[in-house]
Amino acid sequence: LLNDNRSDIDIELKERLESEFASLSPEVINEFMHDLETAVQQHRRHMAAKAAALISELPQSKRHQLLQKLFKIREAKS
């Protein structure tokens, strides 16, 4: 159910962006994309800092287990 709702939102957002982009200049689109990429990088840094703060509260064994899981997920997606 949650995935279906997200798919609907994603489709609506995609359609709206396609409509908006059709009327924008390449310069405006490039500026938007740059701002979007910057925001995503800032969000990732924030989430990494949050994860580091939380993981530091865990016992060493659990910390190691979770980091190994993260690295396996990353390798599988590469």
N, C-alpha and C. Protein backbone atom coordinates (compact mmCIF):
# COMPACT_ATOMS: atom_id res chain seq x y z
N LEU A 1 0.83 -1.20 0.00
CA LEU A 1 0.00 0.00 0.00
C LEU A 1 0.87 1.26 0.00
N LEU A 2 1.87 1.30 0.84
CA LEU A 2 2.75 2.46 0.90
C LEU A 2 3.50 2.64 -0.41
N ASN A 3 3.97 1.54 -1.00
CA ASN A 3 4.68 1.64 -2.27
C ASN A 3 3.78 2.13 -3.38
N ASP A 4 2.51 1.70 -3.40
CA ASP A 4 1.58 2.16 -4.41
C ASP A 4 1.37 3.66 -4.30
N ASN A 5 1.22 4.16 -3.08
CA ASN A 5 1.04 5.58 -2.86
C ASN A 5 2.27 6.35 -3.31
N ARG A 6 3.44 5.84 -2.98
CA ARG A 6 4.68 6.50 -3.38
C ARG A 6 4.80 6.51 -4.90
N SER A 7 4.45 5.42 -5.55
CA SER A 7 4.50 5.36 -7.00
C SER A 7 3.59 6.41 -7.62
N ASP A 8 2.40 6.57 -7.06
CA ASP A 8 1.47 7.59 -7.57
C ASP A 8 2.06 8.98 -7.41
N ILE A 9 2.67 9.24 -6.27
CA ILE A 9 3.29 10.55 -6.03
C ILE A 9 4.46 10.75 -6.99
N ASP A 10 5.29 9.72 -7.16
CA ASP A 10 6.42 9.81 -8.07
C ASP A 10 5.96 10.09 -9.50
N ILE A 11 4.91 9.42 -9.93
CA ILE A 11 4.38 9.62 -11.28
C ILE A 11 3.85 11.04 -11.44
N GLU A 12 3.10 11.50 -10.44
CA GLU A 12 2.56 12.86 -10.50
C GLU A 12 3.68 13.89 -10.52
N LEU A 13 4.70 13.69 -9.71
CA LEU A 13 5.83 14.62 -9.67
C LEU A 13 6.57 14.61 -11.00
N LYS A 14 6.81 13.44 -11.55
CA LYS A 14 7.49 13.32 -12.84
C LYS A 14 6.71 14.05 -13.93
N GLU A 15 5.40 13.85 -13.96
CA GLU A 15 4.58 14.50 -14.98
C GLU A 15 4.60 16.02 -14.81
N ARG A 16 4.54 16.48 -13.57
CA ARG A 16 4.56 17.92 -13.32
C ARG A 16 5.90 18.52 -13.72
N LEU A 17 6.99 17.84 -13.36
CA LEU A 17 8.31 18.34 -13.74
C LEU A 17 8.48 18.36 -15.26
N GLU A 18 8.02 17.32 -15.93
CA GLU A 18 8.10 17.31 -17.39
C GLU A 18 7.36 18.49 -17.98
N SER A 19 6.19 18.79 -17.45
CA SER A 19 5.40 19.92 -17.91
C SER A 19 6.12 21.24 -17.65
N GLU A 20 6.65 21.40 -16.45
CA GLU A 20 7.37 22.63 -16.09
C GLU A 20 8.63 22.79 -16.92
N PHE A 21 9.39 21.72 -17.06
CA PHE A 21 10.66 21.80 -17.79
C PHE A 21 10.44 22.18 -19.25
N ALA A 22 9.31 21.78 -19.81
CA ALA A 22 9.03 22.07 -21.22
C ALA A 22 9.02 23.57 -21.49
N SER A 23 8.68 24.36 -20.48
CA SER A 23 8.58 25.81 -20.69
C SER A 23 9.79 26.58 -20.14
N LEU A 24 10.79 25.87 -19.64
CA LEU A 24 11.95 26.54 -19.06
C LEU A 24 13.14 26.53 -20.01
N SER A 25 13.98 27.53 -19.85
CA SER A 25 15.19 27.59 -20.67
C SER A 25 16.20 26.57 -20.15
N PRO A 26 17.12 26.14 -21.00
CA PRO A 26 18.16 25.21 -20.55
C PRO A 26 18.97 25.77 -19.37
N GLU A 27 19.18 27.07 -19.35
CA GLU A 27 19.94 27.69 -18.25
C GLU A 27 19.21 27.54 -16.92
N VAL A 28 17.90 27.76 -16.94
CA VAL A 28 17.10 27.63 -15.72
C VAL A 28 17.08 26.18 -15.26
N ILE A 29 16.93 25.26 -16.19
CA ILE A 29 16.94 23.84 -15.85
C ILE A 29 18.29 23.45 -15.26
N ASN A 30 19.38 23.90 -15.88
CA ASN A 30 20.71 23.58 -15.37
C ASN A 30 20.92 24.14 -13.96
N GLU A 31 20.44 25.35 -13.72
CA GLU A 31 20.56 25.94 -12.38
C GLU A 31 19.76 25.13 -11.36
N PHE A 32 18.55 24.73 -11.74
CA PHE A 32 17.72 23.91 -10.86
C PHE A 32 18.41 22.58 -10.55
N MET A 33 18.95 21.94 -11.59
CA MET A 33 19.61 20.65 -11.39
C MET A 33 20.84 20.80 -10.49
N HIS A 34 21.58 21.88 -10.66
CA HIS A 34 22.73 22.13 -9.80
C HIS A 34 22.28 22.29 -8.35
N ASP A 35 21.23 23.09 -8.14
CA ASP A 35 20.70 23.30 -6.78
C ASP A 35 20.19 21.98 -6.19
N LEU A 36 19.56 21.17 -7.01
CA LEU A 36 19.05 19.87 -6.56
C LEU A 36 20.20 18.95 -6.16
N GLU A 37 21.23 18.88 -6.99
CA GLU A 37 22.39 18.04 -6.67
C GLU A 37 23.06 18.51 -5.38
N THR A 38 23.18 19.82 -5.19
CA THR A 38 23.76 20.37 -3.97
C THR A 38 22.92 19.97 -2.75
N ALA A 39 21.61 20.09 -2.88
CA ALA A 39 20.71 19.73 -1.77
C ALA A 39 20.82 18.25 -1.44
N VAL A 40 20.92 17.40 -2.45
CA VAL A 40 21.04 15.96 -2.22
C VAL A 40 22.35 15.66 -1.50
N GLN A 41 23.45 16.29 -1.92
CA GLN A 41 24.74 16.06 -1.26
C GLN A 41 24.70 16.52 0.19
N GLN A 42 24.08 17.67 0.44
CA GLN A 42 23.95 18.16 1.82
C GLN A 42 23.13 17.19 2.66
N HIS A 43 22.06 16.67 2.08
CA HIS A 43 21.21 15.72 2.79
C HIS A 43 22.00 14.44 3.12
N ARG A 44 22.77 13.96 2.15
CA ARG A 44 23.57 12.75 2.38
C ARG A 44 24.60 12.97 3.49
N ARG A 45 25.25 14.14 3.48
CA ARG A 45 26.22 14.44 4.54
C ARG A 45 25.53 14.49 5.90
N HIS A 46 24.34 15.10 5.93
CA HIS A 46 23.58 15.19 7.18
C HIS A 46 23.21 13.79 7.68
N MET A 47 22.74 12.94 6.78
CA MET A 47 22.35 11.58 7.17
C MET A 47 23.57 10.77 7.62
N ALA A 48 24.71 10.97 6.97
CA ALA A 48 25.93 10.26 7.38
C ALA A 48 26.36 10.70 8.77
N ALA A 49 26.28 12.00 9.04
CA ALA A 49 26.63 12.50 10.38
C ALA A 49 25.67 11.94 11.43
N LYS A 50 24.40 11.89 11.08
CA LYS A 50 23.40 11.35 12.01
C LYS A 50 23.66 9.87 12.27
N ALA A 51 23.97 9.12 11.20
CA ALA A 51 24.26 7.70 11.35
C ALA A 51 25.51 7.49 12.21
N ALA A 52 26.53 8.31 11.99
CA ALA A 52 27.76 8.19 12.78
C ALA A 52 27.49 8.45 14.25
N ALA A 53 26.68 9.45 14.54
CA ALA A 53 26.35 9.76 15.94
C ALA A 53 25.59 8.61 16.58
N LEU A 54 24.65 8.05 15.86
CA LEU A 54 23.85 6.95 16.41
C LEU A 54 24.67 5.68 16.56
N ILE A 55 25.46 5.37 15.54
CA ILE A 55 26.23 4.12 15.59
C ILE A 55 27.29 4.15 16.68
N SER A 56 27.77 5.35 17.01
CA SER A 56 28.78 5.45 18.07
C SER A 56 28.22 5.08 19.44
N GLU A 57 26.91 5.07 19.57
CA GLU A 57 26.27 4.70 20.83
C GLU A 57 26.13 3.19 21.00
N LEU A 58 26.38 2.45 19.94
CA LEU A 58 26.20 0.99 19.98
C LEU A 58 27.45 0.29 20.50
N PRO A 59 27.26 -0.91 21.03
CA PRO A 59 28.43 -1.72 21.39
C PRO A 59 29.24 -2.05 20.13
N GLN A 60 30.52 -2.25 20.31
CA GLN A 60 31.44 -2.50 19.19
C GLN A 60 30.95 -3.61 18.27
N SER A 61 30.46 -4.72 18.82
CA SER A 61 30.04 -5.86 17.99
C SER A 61 28.85 -5.49 17.10
N LYS A 62 27.88 -4.79 17.65
CA LYS A 62 26.71 -4.38 16.87
C LYS A 62 27.11 -3.36 15.82
N ARG A 63 27.99 -2.44 16.19
CA ARG A 63 28.49 -1.43 15.25
C ARG A 63 29.17 -2.11 14.07
N HIS A 64 30.03 -3.07 14.36
CA HIS A 64 30.75 -3.80 13.32
C HIS A 64 29.76 -4.55 12.42
N GLN A 65 28.78 -5.19 13.02
CA GLN A 65 27.77 -5.95 12.26
C GLN A 65 27.02 -5.03 11.30
N LEU A 66 26.59 -3.88 11.77
CA LEU A 66 25.82 -2.96 10.92
C LEU A 66 26.67 -2.37 9.81
N LEU A 67 27.91 -2.03 10.12
CA LEU A 67 28.79 -1.49 9.08
C LEU A 67 29.10 -2.54 8.01
N GLN A 68 29.29 -3.78 8.42
CA GLN A 68 29.51 -4.85 7.45
C GLN A 68 28.29 -5.00 6.54
N LYS A 69 27.12 -4.92 7.12
CA LYS A 69 25.88 -5.02 6.33
C LYS A 69 25.80 -3.88 5.32
N LEU A 70 26.13 -2.67 5.75
CA LEU A 70 26.12 -1.51 4.86
C LEU A 70 27.07 -1.72 3.69
N PHE A 71 28.28 -2.20 3.98
CA PHE A 71 29.27 -2.39 2.92
C PHE A 71 28.85 -3.49 1.96
N LYS A 72 28.20 -4.54 2.46
CA LYS A 72 27.70 -5.60 1.59
C LYS A 72 26.60 -5.08 0.67
N ILE A 73 25.72 -4.26 1.21
CA ILE A 73 24.65 -3.66 0.40
C ILE A 73 25.26 -2.79 -0.69
N ARG A 74 26.24 -1.98 -0.31
CA ARG A 74 26.89 -1.09 -1.28
C ARG A 74 27.56 -1.90 -2.38
N GLU A 75 28.28 -2.96 -2.03
CA GLU A 75 28.96 -3.78 -3.02
C GLU A 75 27.96 -4.47 -3.95
N ALA A 76 26.84 -4.90 -3.41
CA ALA A 76 25.83 -5.58 -4.22
C ALA A 76 25.21 -4.63 -5.24
N LYS A 77 25.15 -3.35 -4.92
CA LYS A 77 24.54 -2.38 -5.82
C LYS A 77 25.54 -1.80 -6.82
N SER A 78 26.83 -2.09 -6.63
CA SER A 78 27.87 -1.57 -7.53
C SER A 78 27.96 -2.37 -8.80
